């Protein structure tokens, strides 16, 4: 059939179009202007950060004290059980063993609850700081006409060419009014 594309011709046309699109995208990326900053450095620079950390540490200490109390209680009951178990009839020994097992399961569940509560408290207390940094980074991004801003935390990038991108740390700090 005249004008019909063979599978090989269609494949070549698709490759050509994809290659052309890739080159256009690479050209657009080459024209991109970007900034980079350590997000956590900005969060830690906020004066509120030390207050949040202090509150989180205090909460953690309260939870750890309760865990220690619970462990002391369990250890005492376990020690008493070990010492006295040979004096108990079988049904009391089974009952006490079951009580110890339940106490241990409750302790494990409580520790899981504490971990969840600490994660939630950390998220809630840190959210206003993250919002403040997000706003400052966005303002610097828009004011300086950056196409995007990279976060340099955890070295999630392979390399950043300082001739192509700009370290916006000082600009964000100025926007946050921190040193």
N, C-alpha and C. Protein backbone atom coordinates (compact mmCIF):
# COMPACT_ATOMS: atom_id res chain seq x y z
N UNK A 1 0.83 -1.18 0.00
CA UNK A 1 0.00 0.00 0.00
C UNK A 1 0.87 1.23 0.00
N UNK A 2 0.62 2.11 -0.95
CA UNK A 2 1.39 3.34 -0.94
C UNK A 2 0.97 4.21 0.24
N UNK A 3 1.96 4.82 0.89
CA UNK A 3 1.71 5.74 1.99
C UNK A 3 1.60 5.05 3.33
N UNK A 4 1.52 3.72 3.34
CA UNK A 4 1.42 3.01 4.61
C UNK A 4 2.81 2.88 5.21
N UNK A 5 2.89 3.00 6.52
CA UNK A 5 4.17 2.91 7.23
C UNK A 5 4.43 1.47 7.61
N UNK A 6 5.64 1.06 7.36
CA UNK A 6 6.04 -0.26 7.83
C UNK A 6 6.37 -0.15 9.31
N UNK A 7 6.37 -1.27 10.02
CA UNK A 7 6.71 -1.22 11.45
C UNK A 7 8.11 -0.60 11.68
N UNK A 8 9.04 -0.88 10.79
CA UNK A 8 10.40 -0.34 10.94
C UNK A 8 10.39 1.18 10.73
N UNK A 9 9.65 1.67 9.76
CA UNK A 9 9.56 3.10 9.51
C UNK A 9 8.89 3.81 10.68
N UNK A 10 7.83 3.19 11.18
CA UNK A 10 7.13 3.77 12.33
C UNK A 10 8.05 3.82 13.55
N UNK A 11 8.83 2.76 13.75
CA UNK A 11 9.78 2.71 14.87
C UNK A 11 10.82 3.82 14.72
N UNK A 12 11.36 4.00 13.52
CA UNK A 12 12.37 5.04 13.28
C UNK A 12 11.79 6.44 13.50
N UNK A 13 10.54 6.65 13.08
CA UNK A 13 9.90 7.96 13.29
C UNK A 13 9.72 8.23 14.78
N UNK A 14 9.31 7.22 15.53
CA UNK A 14 9.15 7.39 16.98
C UNK A 14 10.49 7.71 17.63
N UNK A 15 11.54 7.00 17.23
CA UNK A 15 12.87 7.28 17.78
C UNK A 15 13.30 8.69 17.46
N UNK A 16 13.04 9.13 16.24
CA UNK A 16 13.40 10.49 15.82
C UNK A 16 12.66 11.52 16.66
N UNK A 17 11.36 11.32 16.85
CA UNK A 17 10.55 12.26 17.64
C UNK A 17 11.02 12.28 19.09
N UNK A 18 11.26 11.10 19.66
CA UNK A 18 11.73 11.04 21.05
C UNK A 18 13.10 11.70 21.21
N UNK A 19 13.98 11.49 20.24
CA UNK A 19 15.29 12.12 20.28
C UNK A 19 15.15 13.63 20.19
N UNK A 20 14.30 14.10 19.30
CA UNK A 20 14.06 15.53 19.14
C UNK A 20 13.50 16.12 20.42
N UNK A 21 12.51 15.45 21.03
CA UNK A 21 11.94 15.92 22.29
C UNK A 21 12.99 15.95 23.40
N UNK A 22 13.84 14.94 23.45
CA UNK A 22 14.90 14.90 24.46
C UNK A 22 15.86 16.06 24.29
N UNK A 23 16.22 16.35 23.06
CA UNK A 23 17.13 17.47 22.80
C UNK A 23 16.50 18.80 23.18
N UNK A 24 15.21 18.95 22.90
CA UNK A 24 14.50 20.18 23.27
C UNK A 24 14.47 20.31 24.79
N UNK A 25 14.17 19.21 25.48
CA UNK A 25 14.12 19.23 26.95
C UNK A 25 15.49 19.54 27.53
N UNK A 26 16.54 18.94 26.96
CA UNK A 26 17.89 19.22 27.45
C UNK A 26 18.27 20.68 27.20
N UNK A 27 17.84 21.20 26.07
CA UNK A 27 18.11 22.61 25.78
C UNK A 27 17.40 23.51 26.76
N UNK A 28 16.18 23.15 27.11
CA UNK A 28 15.42 23.94 28.08
C UNK A 28 16.08 23.85 29.44
N UNK A 29 16.58 22.67 29.81
CA UNK A 29 17.26 22.52 31.10
C UNK A 29 18.54 23.32 31.12
N UNK A 30 19.21 23.39 29.99
CA UNK A 30 20.46 24.16 29.93
C UNK A 30 20.18 25.64 30.16
N UNK A 31 18.99 26.08 29.83
CA UNK A 31 18.61 27.48 30.01
C UNK A 31 18.05 27.74 31.40
N UNK A 32 17.82 26.67 32.17
CA UNK A 32 17.22 26.81 33.49
C UNK A 32 18.15 27.54 34.44
N UNK A 33 17.53 28.28 35.31
CA UNK A 33 18.26 28.97 36.37
C UNK A 33 17.80 28.33 37.67
N UNK A 34 18.77 27.89 38.48
CA UNK A 34 18.37 27.23 39.71
C UNK A 34 19.23 27.67 40.89
N UNK A 35 18.67 27.47 42.05
CA UNK A 35 19.37 27.76 43.29
C UNK A 35 19.46 26.49 44.11
N UNK A 36 20.29 26.53 45.14
CA UNK A 36 20.39 25.40 46.04
C UNK A 36 20.65 25.89 47.45
N UNK A 37 20.14 25.11 48.40
CA UNK A 37 20.23 25.50 49.81
C UNK A 37 20.08 24.24 50.67
N UNK A 38 20.65 24.27 51.86
CA UNK A 38 20.42 23.19 52.83
C UNK A 38 19.16 23.54 53.61
N UNK A 39 18.13 22.79 53.40
CA UNK A 39 16.84 23.04 54.02
C UNK A 39 16.95 22.96 55.55
N UNK A 40 17.59 21.90 56.04
CA UNK A 40 17.70 21.73 57.50
C UNK A 40 18.58 22.81 58.12
N UNK A 41 19.56 23.27 57.42
CA UNK A 41 20.37 24.38 57.94
C UNK A 41 19.49 25.61 58.15
N UNK A 42 18.57 25.83 57.24
CA UNK A 42 17.66 26.97 57.38
C UNK A 42 16.71 26.76 58.56
N UNK A 43 16.19 25.55 58.71
CA UNK A 43 15.29 25.26 59.83
C UNK A 43 16.03 25.46 61.15
N UNK A 44 17.25 24.93 61.23
CA UNK A 44 18.04 25.02 62.46
C UNK A 44 18.48 26.45 62.76
N UNK A 45 18.51 27.31 61.76
CA UNK A 45 18.91 28.70 61.96
C UNK A 45 17.79 29.53 62.61
N UNK A 46 16.57 29.03 62.55
CA UNK A 46 15.45 29.77 63.14
C UNK A 46 15.56 29.77 64.67
N UNK A 47 15.29 30.90 65.31
CA UNK A 47 15.36 30.95 66.78
C UNK A 47 14.36 29.99 67.43
N UNK A 48 13.24 29.73 66.78
CA UNK A 48 12.22 28.84 67.33
C UNK A 48 12.69 27.39 67.38
N UNK A 49 13.68 27.06 66.56
CA UNK A 49 14.16 25.67 66.49
C UNK A 49 14.62 25.17 67.85
N UNK A 50 15.41 25.97 68.57
CA UNK A 50 15.92 25.51 69.87
C UNK A 50 14.78 25.33 70.86
N UNK A 51 13.74 26.14 70.76
CA UNK A 51 12.58 25.99 71.65
C UNK A 51 11.85 24.68 71.34
N UNK A 52 11.67 24.39 70.08
CA UNK A 52 11.00 23.15 69.67
C UNK A 52 11.81 21.95 70.14
N UNK A 53 13.13 22.00 69.93
CA UNK A 53 13.98 20.88 70.35
C UNK A 53 13.91 20.69 71.86
N UNK A 54 13.90 21.78 72.62
CA UNK A 54 13.79 21.69 74.08
C UNK A 54 12.48 21.03 74.48
N UNK A 55 11.38 21.45 73.86
CA UNK A 55 10.08 20.84 74.16
C UNK A 55 10.06 19.35 73.80
N UNK A 56 10.63 19.01 72.66
CA UNK A 56 10.68 17.61 72.25
C UNK A 56 11.54 16.79 73.22
N UNK A 57 12.67 17.35 73.64
CA UNK A 57 13.53 16.65 74.60
C UNK A 57 12.82 16.43 75.93
N UNK A 58 12.08 17.45 76.39
CA UNK A 58 11.32 17.32 77.64
C UNK A 58 10.25 16.24 77.52
N UNK A 59 9.55 16.23 76.40
CA UNK A 59 8.52 15.21 76.18
C UNK A 59 9.15 13.82 76.13
N UNK A 60 10.27 13.71 75.44
CA UNK A 60 10.99 12.43 75.35
C UNK A 60 11.41 11.96 76.74
N UNK A 61 11.91 12.88 77.57
CA UNK A 61 12.34 12.53 78.92
C UNK A 61 11.16 12.01 79.75
N UNK A 62 9.99 12.63 79.62
CA UNK A 62 8.80 12.16 80.35
C UNK A 62 8.42 10.76 79.91
N UNK A 63 8.46 10.52 78.61
CA UNK A 63 8.13 9.19 78.10
C UNK A 63 9.15 8.16 78.59
N UNK A 64 10.42 8.52 78.54
CA UNK A 64 11.46 7.59 78.98
C UNK A 64 11.33 7.27 80.46
N UNK A 65 10.94 8.26 81.28
CA UNK A 65 10.74 8.03 82.71
C UNK A 65 9.59 7.04 82.92
N UNK A 66 8.53 7.18 82.15
CA UNK A 66 7.40 6.26 82.28
C UNK A 66 7.78 4.86 81.81
N UNK A 67 8.58 4.77 80.77
CA UNK A 67 9.04 3.46 80.30
C UNK A 67 9.91 2.81 81.39
N UNK A 68 10.80 3.59 81.99
CA UNK A 68 11.66 3.06 83.05
C UNK A 68 10.83 2.56 84.23
N UNK A 69 9.81 3.33 84.62
CA UNK A 69 8.94 2.93 85.71
C UNK A 69 8.23 1.62 85.37
N UNK A 70 7.73 1.53 84.16
CA UNK A 70 7.03 0.34 83.71
C UNK A 70 7.98 -0.87 83.69
N UNK A 71 9.21 -0.67 83.25
CA UNK A 71 10.18 -1.76 83.21
C UNK A 71 10.56 -2.21 84.62
N UNK A 72 10.70 -1.25 85.54
CA UNK A 72 11.00 -1.62 86.94
C UNK A 72 9.86 -2.47 87.52
N UNK A 73 8.63 -2.04 87.24
CA UNK A 73 7.47 -2.78 87.73
C UNK A 73 7.46 -4.20 87.17
N UNK A 74 7.71 -4.33 85.86
CA UNK A 74 7.73 -5.65 85.24
C UNK A 74 8.86 -6.49 85.82
N UNK A 75 10.05 -5.91 85.93
CA UNK A 75 11.20 -6.66 86.45
C UNK A 75 10.96 -7.14 87.88
N UNK A 76 10.31 -6.30 88.70
CA UNK A 76 10.01 -6.71 90.08
C UNK A 76 9.03 -7.88 90.09
N UNK A 77 7.98 -7.77 89.28
CA UNK A 77 6.98 -8.85 89.23
C UNK A 77 7.61 -10.14 88.67
N UNK A 78 8.47 -9.99 87.70
CA UNK A 78 9.13 -11.16 87.11
C UNK A 78 10.05 -11.81 88.14
N UNK A 79 10.81 -10.99 88.84
CA UNK A 79 11.71 -11.49 89.87
C UNK A 79 10.92 -12.22 90.97
N UNK A 80 9.83 -11.61 91.40
CA UNK A 80 8.97 -12.25 92.42
C UNK A 80 8.44 -13.58 91.91
N UNK A 81 8.04 -13.61 90.67
CA UNK A 81 7.50 -14.84 90.08
C UNK A 81 8.56 -15.94 90.06
N UNK A 82 9.77 -15.59 89.62
CA UNK A 82 10.86 -16.57 89.54
C UNK A 82 11.16 -17.14 90.93
N UNK A 83 11.22 -16.26 91.92
CA UNK A 83 11.54 -16.70 93.29
C UNK A 83 10.44 -17.59 93.88
N UNK A 84 9.19 -17.27 93.58
CA UNK A 84 8.09 -17.94 94.26
C UNK A 84 7.39 -19.02 93.44
N UNK A 85 7.73 -19.16 92.18
CA UNK A 85 6.97 -20.05 91.31
C UNK A 85 6.93 -21.50 91.80
N UNK A 86 8.00 -21.95 92.43
CA UNK A 86 8.02 -23.34 92.89
C UNK A 86 7.06 -23.57 94.07
N UNK A 87 6.59 -22.48 94.73
CA UNK A 87 5.65 -22.59 95.85
C UNK A 87 4.19 -22.58 95.39
N UNK A 88 3.95 -22.25 94.13
CA UNK A 88 2.59 -22.11 93.63
C UNK A 88 2.06 -23.42 93.06
N UNK A 89 0.76 -23.63 93.23
CA UNK A 89 0.14 -24.73 92.48
C UNK A 89 0.16 -24.38 90.99
N UNK A 90 0.01 -25.36 90.17
CA UNK A 90 0.11 -25.19 88.71
C UNK A 90 -0.81 -24.10 88.17
N UNK A 91 -2.07 -24.06 88.62
CA UNK A 91 -3.02 -23.08 88.07
C UNK A 91 -2.62 -21.64 88.45
N UNK A 92 -2.05 -21.40 89.63
CA UNK A 92 -1.59 -20.05 90.00
C UNK A 92 -0.34 -19.69 89.20
N UNK A 93 0.56 -20.65 89.02
CA UNK A 93 1.78 -20.41 88.23
C UNK A 93 1.40 -20.02 86.80
N UNK A 94 0.44 -20.71 86.21
CA UNK A 94 -0.02 -20.41 84.85
C UNK A 94 -0.66 -19.02 84.81
N UNK A 95 -1.48 -18.72 85.82
CA UNK A 95 -2.14 -17.41 85.88
C UNK A 95 -1.10 -16.29 85.98
N UNK A 96 -0.13 -16.43 86.87
CA UNK A 96 0.90 -15.39 87.04
C UNK A 96 1.76 -15.26 85.78
N UNK A 97 2.07 -16.38 85.16
CA UNK A 97 2.86 -16.34 83.92
C UNK A 97 2.09 -15.58 82.84
N UNK A 98 0.80 -15.85 82.76
CA UNK A 98 -0.04 -15.16 81.79
C UNK A 98 -0.10 -13.66 82.09
N UNK A 99 -0.20 -13.29 83.37
CA UNK A 99 -0.20 -11.88 83.76
C UNK A 99 1.10 -11.20 83.34
N UNK A 100 2.22 -11.89 83.55
CA UNK A 100 3.52 -11.32 83.14
C UNK A 100 3.58 -11.14 81.63
N UNK A 101 3.08 -12.12 80.92
CA UNK A 101 3.07 -12.03 79.46
C UNK A 101 2.21 -10.86 79.00
N UNK A 102 1.05 -10.68 79.60
CA UNK A 102 0.17 -9.56 79.25
C UNK A 102 0.83 -8.22 79.58
N UNK A 103 1.51 -8.17 80.73
CA UNK A 103 2.20 -6.94 81.13
C UNK A 103 3.30 -6.60 80.13
N UNK A 104 4.02 -7.63 79.68
CA UNK A 104 5.07 -7.40 78.69
C UNK A 104 4.47 -6.93 77.36
N UNK A 105 3.37 -7.51 76.94
CA UNK A 105 2.72 -7.10 75.70
C UNK A 105 2.22 -5.66 75.79
N UNK A 106 1.68 -5.29 76.95
CA UNK A 106 1.24 -3.91 77.16
C UNK A 106 2.42 -2.95 77.12
N UNK A 107 3.53 -3.38 77.68
CA UNK A 107 4.73 -2.55 77.68
C UNK A 107 5.23 -2.32 76.24
N UNK A 108 5.23 -3.36 75.45
CA UNK A 108 5.64 -3.25 74.05
C UNK A 108 4.68 -2.33 73.30
N UNK A 109 3.38 -2.50 73.53
CA UNK A 109 2.38 -1.64 72.86
C UNK A 109 2.56 -0.19 73.29
N UNK A 110 2.86 0.03 74.57
CA UNK A 110 3.08 1.38 75.06
C UNK A 110 4.30 2.01 74.40
N UNK A 111 5.37 1.26 74.24
CA UNK A 111 6.57 1.78 73.58
C UNK A 111 6.26 2.14 72.12
N UNK A 112 5.49 1.31 71.45
CA UNK A 112 5.09 1.62 70.08
C UNK A 112 4.26 2.91 70.04
N UNK A 113 3.35 3.06 71.01
CA UNK A 113 2.52 4.25 71.10
C UNK A 113 3.38 5.49 71.35
N UNK A 114 4.37 5.35 72.20
CA UNK A 114 5.28 6.46 72.48
C UNK A 114 6.03 6.87 71.21
N UNK A 115 6.53 5.90 70.48
CA UNK A 115 7.24 6.21 69.23
C UNK A 115 6.33 6.94 68.25
N UNK A 116 5.08 6.48 68.14
CA UNK A 116 4.13 7.14 67.25
C UNK A 116 3.83 8.55 67.76
N UNK A 117 3.63 8.69 69.06
CA UNK A 117 3.32 10.00 69.64
C UNK A 117 4.49 10.97 69.46
N UNK A 118 5.71 10.47 69.60
CA UNK A 118 6.88 11.34 69.41
C UNK A 118 7.01 11.77 67.94
N UNK A 119 6.79 10.86 67.03
CA UNK A 119 6.83 11.22 65.60
C UNK A 119 5.79 12.29 65.30
N UNK A 120 4.58 12.11 65.83
CA UNK A 120 3.50 13.06 65.60
C UNK A 120 3.82 14.41 66.25
N UNK A 121 4.33 14.39 67.48
CA UNK A 121 4.69 15.64 68.17
C UNK A 121 5.79 16.37 67.40
N UNK A 122 6.78 15.62 66.92
CA UNK A 122 7.87 16.22 66.15
C UNK A 122 7.33 16.86 64.88
N UNK A 123 6.43 16.13 64.20
CA UNK A 123 5.85 16.67 62.97
C UNK A 123 5.05 17.93 63.26
N UNK A 124 4.20 17.89 64.29
CA UNK A 124 3.37 19.05 64.62
C UNK A 124 4.20 20.25 65.06
N UNK A 125 5.22 20.02 65.88
CA UNK A 125 6.02 21.13 66.38
C UNK A 125 6.95 21.71 65.31
N UNK A 126 7.39 20.87 64.39
CA UNK A 126 8.31 21.34 63.35
C UNK A 126 7.57 21.96 62.16
N UNK A 127 6.29 21.65 61.98
CA UNK A 127 5.56 22.13 60.82
C UNK A 127 5.58 23.65 60.65
N UNK A 128 5.37 24.43 61.71
CA UNK A 128 5.44 25.89 61.52
C UNK A 128 6.83 26.36 61.05
N UNK A 129 7.88 25.69 61.51
CA UNK A 129 9.24 26.04 61.07
C UNK A 129 9.42 25.70 59.60
N UNK A 130 8.93 24.53 59.21
CA UNK A 130 9.01 24.12 57.79
C UNK A 130 8.22 25.08 56.92
N UNK A 131 7.05 25.48 57.40
CA UNK A 131 6.23 26.42 56.63
C UNK A 131 6.97 27.74 56.43
N UNK A 132 7.62 28.20 57.48
CA UNK A 132 8.36 29.47 57.42
C UNK A 132 9.52 29.38 56.43
N UNK A 133 10.26 28.28 56.47
CA UNK A 133 11.38 28.10 55.53
C UNK A 133 10.85 27.93 54.11
N UNK A 134 9.77 27.16 53.95
CA UNK A 134 9.18 26.99 52.62
C UNK A 134 8.82 28.34 52.01
N UNK A 135 8.20 29.19 52.81
CA UNK A 135 7.79 30.50 52.34
C UNK A 135 9.00 31.35 51.94
N UNK A 136 10.04 31.33 52.76
CA UNK A 136 11.24 32.12 52.46
C UNK A 136 11.94 31.61 51.20
N UNK A 137 12.05 30.30 51.07
CA UNK A 137 12.69 29.73 49.87
C UNK A 137 11.88 30.08 48.63
N UNK A 138 10.56 29.97 48.72
CA UNK A 138 9.71 30.29 47.57
C UNK A 138 9.85 31.76 47.19
N UNK A 139 9.91 32.65 48.18
CA UNK A 139 10.06 34.08 47.90
C UNK A 139 11.38 34.35 47.19
N UNK A 140 12.47 33.75 47.68
CA UNK A 140 13.78 33.92 47.04
C UNK A 140 13.73 33.34 45.63
N UNK A 141 13.09 32.20 45.48
CA UNK A 141 12.97 31.55 44.17
C UNK A 141 12.25 32.47 43.19
N UNK A 142 11.13 33.02 43.60
CA UNK A 142 10.34 33.88 42.72
C UNK A 142 11.05 35.21 42.47
N UNK A 143 11.57 35.83 43.53
CA UNK A 143 12.24 37.13 43.39
C UNK A 143 13.44 37.06 42.45
N UNK A 144 14.15 35.92 42.46
CA UNK A 144 15.35 35.78 41.64
C UNK A 144 15.10 35.01 40.35
N UNK A 145 13.84 34.70 40.10
CA UNK A 145 13.42 34.03 38.86
C UNK A 145 14.12 32.68 38.65
N UNK A 146 14.26 31.92 39.76
CA UNK A 146 14.81 30.57 39.63
C UNK A 146 13.71 29.65 39.13
N UNK A 147 14.09 28.71 38.28
CA UNK A 147 13.13 27.72 37.81
C UNK A 147 12.86 26.68 38.90
N UNK A 148 13.86 26.40 39.68
CA UNK A 148 13.72 25.46 40.79
C UNK A 148 14.86 25.67 41.78
N UNK A 149 14.66 25.12 42.97
CA UNK A 149 15.67 25.18 44.03
C UNK A 149 15.90 23.76 44.51
N UNK A 150 17.17 23.39 44.60
CA UNK A 150 17.54 22.06 45.08
C UNK A 150 17.84 22.10 46.58
N UNK A 151 17.48 21.03 47.26
CA UNK A 151 17.81 20.86 48.67
C UNK A 151 19.10 20.05 48.73
N UNK A 152 20.12 20.58 49.37
CA UNK A 152 21.41 19.89 49.41
C UNK A 152 21.53 18.93 50.60
N UNK A 153 20.50 18.83 51.41
CA UNK A 153 20.55 17.90 52.54
C UNK A 153 20.68 16.46 52.05
N UNK A 154 21.35 15.65 52.83
CA UNK A 154 21.51 14.22 52.57
C UNK A 154 22.17 13.92 51.22
N UNK A 155 22.80 14.92 50.65
CA UNK A 155 23.53 14.75 49.39
C UNK A 155 22.70 13.95 48.37
N UNK A 156 21.47 14.38 48.17
CA UNK A 156 20.56 13.72 47.24
C UNK A 156 20.95 14.04 45.78
N UNK A 157 21.94 14.84 45.59
CA UNK A 157 22.42 15.21 44.26
C UNK A 157 23.80 14.57 44.06
N UNK A 158 24.21 14.41 42.84
CA UNK A 158 25.54 13.88 42.55
C UNK A 158 26.54 15.02 42.55
N UNK A 159 26.20 16.10 41.88
CA UNK A 159 27.08 17.27 41.84
C UNK A 159 26.25 18.48 41.43
N UNK A 160 26.69 19.63 41.89
CA UNK A 160 26.07 20.88 41.49
C UNK A 160 27.18 21.77 40.97
N UNK A 161 27.04 22.19 39.74
CA UNK A 161 28.03 23.08 39.16
C UNK A 161 27.73 24.50 39.65
N UNK A 162 28.62 25.08 40.46
CA UNK A 162 28.35 26.42 41.00
C UNK A 162 28.30 27.50 39.91
N UNK A 163 28.76 27.17 38.71
CA UNK A 163 28.67 28.14 37.62
C UNK A 163 27.27 28.14 37.00
N UNK A 164 26.53 27.06 37.22
CA UNK A 164 25.18 26.97 36.66
C UNK A 164 24.10 27.34 37.68
N UNK A 165 24.35 26.96 38.93
CA UNK A 165 23.37 27.23 39.97
C UNK A 165 23.92 28.20 40.99
N UNK A 166 23.05 28.70 41.84
CA UNK A 166 23.45 29.67 42.85
C UNK A 166 23.11 29.17 44.24
N UNK A 167 24.06 29.31 45.15
CA UNK A 167 23.82 29.00 46.56
C UNK A 167 22.99 30.14 47.12
N UNK A 168 21.76 29.84 47.51
CA UNK A 168 20.86 30.89 47.97
C UNK A 168 20.75 30.95 49.49
N UNK A 169 21.68 30.29 50.17
CA UNK A 169 21.64 30.22 51.64
C UNK A 169 21.53 31.61 52.26
N UNK A 170 22.40 32.51 51.88
CA UNK A 170 22.40 33.85 52.50
C UNK A 170 21.12 34.61 52.18
N UNK A 171 20.59 34.45 50.99
CA UNK A 171 19.35 35.12 50.63
C UNK A 171 18.18 34.61 51.46
N UNK A 172 18.15 33.29 51.67
CA UNK A 172 17.06 32.72 52.47
C UNK A 172 17.21 33.15 53.92
N UNK A 173 18.44 33.14 54.43
CA UNK A 173 18.67 33.61 55.81
C UNK A 173 18.22 35.06 55.97
N UNK A 174 18.51 35.88 54.96
CA UNK A 174 18.10 37.28 55.01
C UNK A 174 16.57 37.36 55.02
N UNK A 175 15.93 36.55 54.22
CA UNK A 175 14.47 36.53 54.16
C UNK A 175 13.88 36.07 55.49
N UNK A 176 14.56 35.12 56.15
CA UNK A 176 14.11 34.62 57.45
C UNK A 176 14.52 35.55 58.61
N UNK A 177 15.36 36.51 58.27
CA UNK A 177 15.90 37.44 59.28
C UNK A 177 16.69 36.72 60.37
N UNK A 178 17.57 35.80 59.91
CA UNK A 178 18.47 35.07 60.83
C UNK A 178 19.89 35.23 60.34
N UNK A 179 20.79 34.99 61.23
CA UNK A 179 22.23 35.08 60.89
C UNK A 179 22.76 33.72 60.56
